[in-house]
Amino acid sequence: VQPEGSGEVRFAVSDTGIGIPQELHGNLFED
């Protein structure tokens, strides 16, 4: 966790796994 700009914080979870192609990033958070 680290500060992000003014009045915000950024929680991050990083892994050394298989990774995800860039073209799939846009749909990852859809139902």
PDB file of all heavy atoms in Angstrom:
ATOM      1  N   VAL A   1       0.854  -1.179   0.000  1.00  0.00           N
ATOM      2  CA  VAL A   1       0.000   0.000   0.000  1.00  0.00           C
ATOM      3  C   VAL A   1       0.893   1.232   0.000  1.00  0.00           C
ATOM      4  O   VAL A   1       1.967   1.240   0.628  1.00  0.00           O
ATOM      5  CB  VAL A   1      -0.946   0.017   1.225  1.00  0.00           C
ATOM      6  CG1 VAL A   1      -0.176   0.001   2.532  1.00  0.00           C
ATOM      7  CG2 VAL A   1      -1.886   1.220   1.177  1.00  0.00           C
ATOM      8  N   GLN A   2       0.486   2.268  -0.728  1.00  0.00           N
ATOM      9  CA  GLN A   2       1.261   3.505  -0.795  1.00  0.00           C
ATOM     10  C   GLN A   2       0.330   4.668  -1.117  1.00  0.00           C
ATOM     11  O   GLN A   2      -0.782   4.469  -1.631  1.00  0.00           O
ATOM     12  CB  GLN A   2       2.356   3.400  -1.857  1.00  0.00           C
ATOM     13  CG  GLN A   2       1.820   3.187  -3.264  1.00  0.00           C
ATOM     14  CD  GLN A   2       2.928   2.961  -4.272  1.00  0.00           C
ATOM     15  OE1 GLN A   2       3.992   2.469  -3.954  1.00  0.00           O
ATOM     16  NE2 GLN A   2       2.671   3.340  -5.517  1.00  0.00           N
ATOM     17  N   PRO A   3       0.754   5.890  -0.808  1.00  0.00           N
ATOM     18  CA  PRO A   3      -0.077   7.057  -1.138  1.00  0.00           C
ATOM     19  C   PRO A   3      -0.247   7.177  -2.646  1.00  0.00           C
ATOM     20  O   PRO A   3       0.623   6.797  -3.425  1.00  0.00           O
ATOM     21  CB  PRO A   3       0.732   8.233  -0.577  1.00  0.00           C
ATOM     22  CG  PRO A   3       1.678   7.629   0.410  1.00  0.00           C
ATOM     23  CD  PRO A   3       2.004   6.266  -0.104  1.00  0.00           C
ATOM     24  N   GLU A   4      -1.379   7.708  -3.061  1.00  0.00           N
ATOM     25  CA  GLU A   4      -1.670   7.908  -4.479  1.00  0.00           C
ATOM     26  C   GLU A   4      -2.269   9.296  -4.646  1.00  0.00           C
ATOM     27  O   GLU A   4      -3.443   9.531  -4.361  1.00  0.00           O
ATOM     28  CB  GLU A   4      -2.646   6.847  -4.978  1.00  0.00           C
ATOM     29  CG  GLU A   4      -3.031   6.980  -6.438  1.00  0.00           C
ATOM     30  CD  GLU A   4      -1.955   6.467  -7.383  1.00  0.00           C
ATOM     31  OE1 GLU A   4      -1.015   5.800  -6.906  1.00  0.00           O
ATOM     32  OE2 GLU A   4      -2.069   6.737  -8.590  1.00  0.00           O
ATOM     33  N   GLY A   5      -1.437  10.234  -5.094  1.00  0.00           N
ATOM     34  CA  GLY A   5      -1.937  11.584  -5.285  1.00  0.00           C
ATOM     35  C   GLY A   5      -2.339  12.223  -3.968  1.00  0.00           C
ATOM     36  O   GLY A   5      -1.770  11.952  -2.903  1.00  0.00           O
ATOM     37  N   SER A   6      -3.347  13.079  -4.035  1.00  0.00           N
ATOM     38  CA  SER A   6      -3.801  13.805  -2.859  1.00  0.00           C
ATOM     39  C   SER A   6      -5.044  13.153  -2.277  1.00  0.00           C
ATOM     40  O   SER A   6      -6.088  13.080  -2.927  1.00  0.00           O
ATOM     41  CB  SER A   6      -4.111  15.262  -3.234  1.00  0.00           C
ATOM     42  OG  SER A   6      -4.652  15.961  -2.140  1.00  0.00           O
ATOM     43  N   GLY A   7      -4.919  12.641  -1.056  1.00  0.00           N
ATOM     44  CA  GLY A   7      -6.077  12.093  -0.361  1.00  0.00           C
ATOM     45  C   GLY A   7      -6.495  10.709  -0.778  1.00  0.00           C
ATOM     46  O   GLY A   7      -7.622  10.288  -0.491  1.00  0.00           O
ATOM     47  N   GLU A   8      -5.618   9.950  -1.454  1.00  0.00           N
ATOM     48  CA  GLU A   8      -5.946   8.596  -1.862  1.00  0.00           C
ATOM     49  C   GLU A   8      -4.812   7.640  -1.503  1.00  0.00           C
ATOM     50  O   GLU A   8      -3.670   8.055  -1.285  1.00  0.00           O
ATOM     51  CB  GLU A   8      -6.209   8.512  -3.368  1.00  0.00           C
ATOM     52  CG  GLU A   8      -7.451   9.244  -3.830  1.00  0.00           C
ATOM     53  CD  GLU A   8      -7.692   9.067  -5.318  1.00  0.00           C
ATOM     54  OE1 GLU A   8      -6.713   9.082  -6.085  1.00  0.00           O
ATOM     55  OE2 GLU A   8      -8.866   8.922  -5.711  1.00  0.00           O
ATOM     56  N   VAL A   9      -5.143   6.351  -1.444  1.00  0.00           N
ATOM     57  CA  VAL A   9      -4.135   5.308  -1.232  1.00  0.00           C
ATOM     58  C   VAL A   9      -4.322   4.234  -2.293  1.00  0.00           C
ATOM     59  O   VAL A   9      -5.436   4.024  -2.808  1.00  0.00           O
ATOM     60  CB  VAL A   9      -4.232   4.679   0.175  1.00  0.00           C
ATOM     61  CG1 VAL A   9      -3.830   5.674   1.227  1.00  0.00           C
ATOM     62  CG2 VAL A   9      -5.634   4.151   0.443  1.00  0.00           C
ATOM     63  N   ARG A  10      -3.224   3.548  -2.613  1.00  0.00           N
ATOM     64  CA  ARG A  10      -3.241   2.513  -3.650  1.00  0.00           C
ATOM     65  C   ARG A  10      -2.795   1.188  -3.034  1.00  0.00           C
ATOM     66  O   ARG A  10      -1.654   1.037  -2.621  1.00  0.00           O
ATOM     67  CB  ARG A  10      -2.293   2.902  -4.783  1.00  0.00           C
ATOM     68  CG  ARG A  10      -2.210   1.903  -5.946  1.00  0.00           C
ATOM     69  CD  ARG A  10      -1.173   2.415  -6.935  1.00  0.00           C
ATOM     70  NE  ARG A  10      -1.166   1.724  -8.205  1.00  0.00           N
ATOM     71  CZ  ARG A  10      -0.393   0.665  -8.485  1.00  0.00           C
ATOM     72  NH1 ARG A  10       0.440   0.197  -7.550  1.00  0.00           N
ATOM     73  NH2 ARG A  10      -0.439   0.101  -9.682  1.00  0.00           N
ATOM     74  N   PHE A  11      -3.720   0.242  -2.972  1.00  0.00           N
ATOM     75  CA  PHE A  11      -3.404  -1.121  -2.545  1.00  0.00           C
ATOM     76  C   PHE A  11      -3.106  -1.939  -3.802  1.00  0.00           C
ATOM     77  O   PHE A  11      -3.869  -1.889  -4.772  1.00  0.00           O
ATOM     78  CB  PHE A  11      -4.582  -1.752  -1.799  1.00  0.00           C
ATOM     79  CG  PHE A  11      -4.836  -1.169  -0.439  1.00  0.00           C
ATOM     80  CD1 PHE A  11      -5.663  -0.068  -0.293  1.00  0.00           C
ATOM     81  CD2 PHE A  11      -4.243  -1.726   0.693  1.00  0.00           C
ATOM     82  CE1 PHE A  11      -5.916   0.465   0.963  1.00  0.00           C
ATOM     83  CE2 PHE A  11      -4.483  -1.193   1.945  1.00  0.00           C
ATOM     84  CZ  PHE A  11      -5.309  -0.102   2.088  1.00  0.00           C
ATOM     85  N   ALA A  12      -2.006  -2.697  -3.769  1.00  0.00           N
ATOM     86  CA  ALA A  12      -1.622  -3.485  -4.940  1.00  0.00           C
ATOM     87  C   ALA A  12      -1.282  -4.907  -4.532  1.00  0.00           C
ATOM     88  O   ALA A  12      -0.703  -5.149  -3.468  1.00  0.00           O
ATOM     89  CB  ALA A  12      -0.426  -2.847  -5.646  1.00  0.00           C
ATOM     90  N   VAL A  13      -1.659  -5.847  -5.392  1.00  0.00           N
ATOM     91  CA  VAL A  13      -1.305  -7.263  -5.214  1.00  0.00           C
ATOM     92  C   VAL A  13      -0.549  -7.681  -6.470  1.00  0.00           C
ATOM     93  O   VAL A  13      -1.130  -7.758  -7.559  1.00  0.00           O
ATOM     94  CB  VAL A  13      -2.552  -8.141  -5.010  1.00  0.00           C
ATOM     95  CG1 VAL A  13      -2.145  -9.610  -4.912  1.00  0.00           C
ATOM     96  CG2 VAL A  13      -3.316  -7.717  -3.756  1.00  0.00           C
ATOM     97  N   SER A  14       0.752  -7.935  -6.314  1.00  0.00           N
ATOM     98  CA  SER A  14       1.611  -8.280  -7.450  1.00  0.00           C
ATOM     99  C   SER A  14       2.031  -9.741  -7.349  1.00  0.00           C
ATOM    100  O   SER A  14       2.276 -10.252  -6.248  1.00  0.00           O
ATOM    101  CB  SER A  14       2.860  -7.392  -7.470  1.00  0.00           C
ATOM    102  OG  SER A  14       2.502  -6.024  -7.515  1.00  0.00           O
ATOM    103  N   ASP A  15       2.113 -10.411  -8.495  1.00  0.00           N
ATOM    104  CA  ASP A  15       2.513 -11.819  -8.485  1.00  0.00           C
ATOM    105  C   ASP A  15       3.551 -12.090  -9.563  1.00  0.00           C
ATOM    106  O   ASP A  15       3.832 -11.233 -10.412  1.00  0.00           O
ATOM    107  CB  ASP A  15       1.291 -12.731  -8.677  1.00  0.00           C
ATOM    108  CG  ASP A  15       0.618 -12.540 -10.026  1.00  0.00           C
ATOM    109  OD1 ASP A  15       1.278 -12.697 -11.062  1.00  0.00           O
ATOM    110  OD2 ASP A  15      -0.592 -12.213 -10.045  1.00  0.00           O
ATOM    111  N   THR A  16       4.128 -13.276  -9.523  1.00  0.00           N
ATOM    112  CA  THR A  16       5.099 -13.714 -10.529  1.00  0.00           C
ATOM    113  C   THR A  16       4.482 -14.820 -11.373  1.00  0.00           C
ATOM    114  O   THR A  16       5.165 -15.767 -11.779  1.00  0.00           O
ATOM    115  CB  THR A  16       6.385 -14.213  -9.846  1.00  0.00           C
ATOM    116  OG1 THR A  16       6.047 -15.258  -8.905  1.00  0.00           O
ATOM    117  CG2 THR A  16       7.071 -13.093  -9.100  1.00  0.00           C
ATOM    118  N   GLY A  17       3.183 -14.699 -11.629  1.00  0.00           N
ATOM    119  CA  GLY A  17       2.449 -15.739 -12.327  1.00  0.00           C
ATOM    120  C   GLY A  17       2.510 -15.638 -13.837  1.00  0.00           C
ATOM    121  O   GLY A  17       3.447 -15.069 -14.409  1.00  0.00           O
ATOM    122  N   ILE A  18       1.456 -16.161 -14.484  1.00  0.00           N
ATOM    123  CA  ILE A  18       1.485 -16.338 -15.937  1.00  0.00           C
ATOM    124  C   ILE A  18       1.309 -15.038 -16.704  1.00  0.00           C
ATOM    125  O   ILE A  18       1.670 -14.951 -17.876  1.00  0.00           O
ATOM    126  CB  ILE A  18       0.394 -17.342 -16.374  1.00  0.00           C
ATOM    127  CG1 ILE A  18      -0.993 -16.842 -15.957  1.00  0.00           C
ATOM    128  CG2 ILE A  18       0.674 -18.715 -15.779  1.00  0.00           C
ATOM    129  CD1 ILE A  18      -2.127 -17.726 -16.439  1.00  0.00           C
ATOM    130  N   GLY A  19       0.746 -14.019 -16.075  1.00  0.00           N
ATOM    131  CA  GLY A  19       0.530 -12.753 -16.765  1.00  0.00           C
ATOM    132  C   GLY A  19      -0.697 -12.794 -17.667  1.00  0.00           C
ATOM    133  O   GLY A  19      -1.267 -13.853 -17.941  1.00  0.00           O
ATOM    134  N   ILE A  20      -1.106 -11.614 -18.125  1.00  0.00           N
ATOM    135  CA  ILE A  20      -2.334 -11.477 -18.921  1.00  0.00           C
ATOM    136  C   ILE A  20      -2.034 -10.606 -20.145  1.00  0.00           C
ATOM    137  O   ILE A  20      -1.483  -9.513 -20.005  1.00  0.00           O
ATOM    138  CB  ILE A  20      -3.447 -10.814 -18.087  1.00  0.00           C
ATOM    139  CG1 ILE A  20      -3.692 -11.616 -16.805  1.00  0.00           C
ATOM    140  CG2 ILE A  20      -4.735 -10.697 -18.900  1.00  0.00           C
ATOM    141  CD1 ILE A  20      -4.542 -10.886 -15.795  1.00  0.00           C
ATOM    142  N   PRO A  21      -2.406 -11.051 -21.347  1.00  0.00           N
ATOM    143  CA  PRO A  21      -2.176 -10.236 -22.551  1.00  0.00           C
ATOM    144  C   PRO A  21      -2.908  -8.887 -22.472  1.00  0.00           C
ATOM    145  O   PRO A  21      -3.998  -8.798 -21.920  1.00  0.00           O
ATOM    146  CB  PRO A  21      -2.750 -11.105 -23.681  1.00  0.00           C
ATOM    147  CG  PRO A  21      -2.742 -12.500 -23.141  1.00  0.00           C
ATOM    148  CD  PRO A  21      -2.984 -12.363 -21.670  1.00  0.00           C
ATOM    149  N   GLN A  22      -2.294  -7.871 -23.055  1.00  0.00           N
ATOM    150  CA  GLN A  22      -2.826  -6.518 -23.009  1.00  0.00           C
ATOM    151  C   GLN A  22      -4.236  -6.427 -23.581  1.00  0.00           C
ATOM    152  O   GLN A  22      -5.088  -5.712 -23.055  1.00  0.00           O
ATOM    153  CB  GLN A  22      -1.890  -5.574 -23.788  1.00  0.00           C
ATOM    154  CG  GLN A  22      -2.341  -4.121 -23.846  1.00  0.00           C
ATOM    155  CD  GLN A  22      -2.276  -3.432 -22.495  1.00  0.00           C
ATOM    156  OE1 GLN A  22      -1.368  -3.697 -21.725  1.00  0.00           O
ATOM    157  NE2 GLN A  22      -3.233  -2.562 -22.203  1.00  0.00           N
ATOM    158  N   GLU A  23      -4.523  -7.186 -24.634  1.00  0.00           N
ATOM    159  CA  GLU A  23      -5.831  -7.071 -25.276  1.00  0.00           C
ATOM    160  C   GLU A  23      -6.972  -7.602 -24.402  1.00  0.00           C
ATOM    161  O   GLU A  23      -8.147  -7.347 -24.698  1.00  0.00           O
ATOM    162  CB  GLU A  23      -5.831  -7.815 -26.619  1.00  0.00           C
ATOM    163  CG  GLU A  23      -5.559  -9.306 -26.532  1.00  0.00           C
ATOM    164  CD  GLU A  23      -4.073  -9.639 -26.656  1.00  0.00           C
ATOM    165  OE1 GLU A  23      -3.241  -8.727 -26.436  1.00  0.00           O
ATOM    166  OE2 GLU A  23      -3.768 -10.801 -26.968  1.00  0.00           O
ATOM    167  N   LEU A  24      -6.639  -8.315 -23.332  1.00  0.00           N
ATOM    168  CA  LEU A  24      -7.676  -8.843 -22.444  1.00  0.00           C
ATOM    169  C   LEU A  24      -7.923  -7.950 -21.231  1.00  0.00           C
ATOM    170  O   LEU A  24      -8.872  -8.181 -20.480  1.00  0.00           O
ATOM    171  CB  LEU A  24      -7.290 -10.248 -21.959  1.00  0.00           C
ATOM    172  CG  LEU A  24      -7.128 -11.316 -23.035  1.00  0.00           C
ATOM    173  CD1 LEU A  24      -6.742 -12.648 -22.400  1.00  0.00           C
ATOM    174  CD2 LEU A  24      -8.409 -11.473 -23.843  1.00  0.00           C
ATOM    175  N   HIS A  25      -7.083  -6.933 -21.026  1.00  0.00           N
ATOM    176  CA  HIS A  25      -7.206  -6.102 -19.830  1.00  0.00           C
ATOM    177  C   HIS A  25      -8.550  -5.390 -19.746  1.00  0.00           C
ATOM    178  O   HIS A  25      -9.118  -5.239 -18.661  1.00  0.00           O
ATOM    179  CB  HIS A  25      -6.081  -5.063 -19.792  1.00  0.00           C
ATOM    180  CG  HIS A  25      -4.732  -5.660 -19.546  1.00  0.00           C
ATOM    181  ND1 HIS A  25      -3.603  -4.907 -19.304  1.00  0.00           N
ATOM    182  CD2 HIS A  25      -4.322  -6.949 -19.493  1.00  0.00           C
ATOM    183  CE1 HIS A  25      -2.569  -5.697 -19.126  1.00  0.00           C
ATOM    184  NE2 HIS A  25      -2.978  -6.945 -19.249  1.00  0.00           N
ATOM    185  N   GLY A  26      -9.076  -4.955 -20.892  1.00  0.00           N
ATOM    186  CA  GLY A  26     -10.282  -4.141 -20.872  1.00  0.00           C
ATOM    187  C   GLY A  26     -11.522  -4.873 -20.391  1.00  0.00           C
ATOM    188  O   GLY A  26     -12.460  -4.244 -19.900  1.00  0.00           O
ATOM    189  N   ASN A  27     -11.543  -6.208 -20.529  1.00  0.00           N
ATOM    190  CA  ASN A  27     -12.744  -6.973 -20.165  1.00  0.00           C
ATOM    191  C   ASN A  27     -12.624  -7.695 -18.832  1.00  0.00           C
ATOM    192  O   ASN A  27     -13.586  -8.349 -18.405  1.00  0.00           O
ATOM    193  CB  ASN A  27     -13.052  -8.009 -21.260  1.00  0.00           C
ATOM    194  CG  ASN A  27     -13.387  -7.358 -22.585  1.00  0.00           C
ATOM    195  OD1 ASN A  27     -13.986  -6.292 -22.614  1.00  0.00           O
ATOM    196  ND2 ASN A  27     -13.001  -7.995 -23.673  1.00  0.00           N
ATOM    197  N   LEU A  28     -11.470  -7.609 -18.186  1.00  0.00           N
ATOM    198  CA  LEU A  28     -11.236  -8.408 -16.991  1.00  0.00           C
ATOM    199  C   LEU A  28     -12.242  -8.134 -15.879  1.00  0.00           C
ATOM    200  O   LEU A  28     -12.586  -9.043 -15.112  1.00  0.00           O
ATOM    201  CB  LEU A  28      -9.822  -8.154 -16.453  1.00  0.00           C
ATOM    202  CG  LEU A  28      -8.687  -8.913 -17.140  1.00  0.00           C
ATOM    203  CD1 LEU A  28      -7.351  -8.488 -16.546  1.00  0.00           C
ATOM    204  CD2 LEU A  28      -8.872 -10.404 -17.003  1.00  0.00           C
ATOM    205  N   PHE A  29     -12.703  -6.892 -15.780  1.00  0.00           N
ATOM    206  CA  PHE A  29     -13.565  -6.515 -14.660  1.00  0.00           C
ATOM    207  C   PHE A  29     -15.050  -6.536 -15.031  1.00  0.00           C
ATOM    208  O   PHE A  29     -15.867  -5.948 -14.337  1.00  0.00           O
ATOM    209  CB  PHE A  29     -13.169  -5.133 -14.137  1.00  0.00           C
ATOM    210  CG  PHE A  29     -11.794  -5.105 -13.523  1.00  0.00           C
ATOM    211  CD1 PHE A  29     -10.692  -4.710 -14.269  1.00  0.00           C
ATOM    212  CD2 PHE A  29     -11.593  -5.495 -12.209  1.00  0.00           C
ATOM    213  CE1 PHE A  29      -9.419  -4.699 -13.700  1.00  0.00           C
ATOM    214  CE2 PHE A  29     -10.339  -5.487 -11.642  1.00  0.00           C
ATOM    215  CZ  PHE A  29      -9.244  -5.090 -12.388  1.00  0.00           C
ATOM    216  N   GLU A  30     -15.379  -7.235 -16.141  1.00  0.00           N
ATOM    217  CA  GLU A  30     -16.776  -7.379 -16.536  1.00  0.00           C
ATOM    218  C   GLU A  30     -17.358  -8.657 -15.941  1.00  0.00           C
ATOM    219  O   GLU A  30     -16.625  -9.588 -15.585  1.00  0.00           O
ATOM    220  CB  GLU A  30     -16.897  -7.406 -18.062  1.00  0.00           C
ATOM    221  CG  GLU A  30     -16.379  -6.153 -18.753  1.00  0.00           C
ATOM    222  CD  GLU A  30     -17.082  -4.888 -18.300  1.00  0.00           C
ATOM    223  OE1 GLU A  30     -18.321  -4.944 -18.118  1.00  0.00           O
ATOM    224  OE2 GLU A  30     -16.413  -3.861 -18.108  1.00  0.00           O
ATOM    225  N   ASP A  31     -18.691  -8.711 -15.834  1.00  0.00           N
ATOM    226  CA  ASP A  31     -19.363  -9.881 -15.266  1.00  0.00           C
ATOM    227  C   ASP A  31     -19.076 -11.142 -16.077  1.00  0.00           C
ATOM    228  O   ASP A  31     -19.125 -11.130 -17.313  1.00  0.00           O
ATOM    229  CB  ASP A  31     -20.880  -9.665 -15.233  1.00  0.00           C
ATOM    230  CG  ASP A  31     -21.283  -8.580 -14.243  1.00  0.00           C
ATOM    231  OD1 ASP A  31     -20.436  -8.194 -13.410  1.00  0.00           O
ATOM    232  OD2 ASP A  31     -22.442  -8.117 -14.308  1.00  0.00           O
TER     233      ASP A  31
END
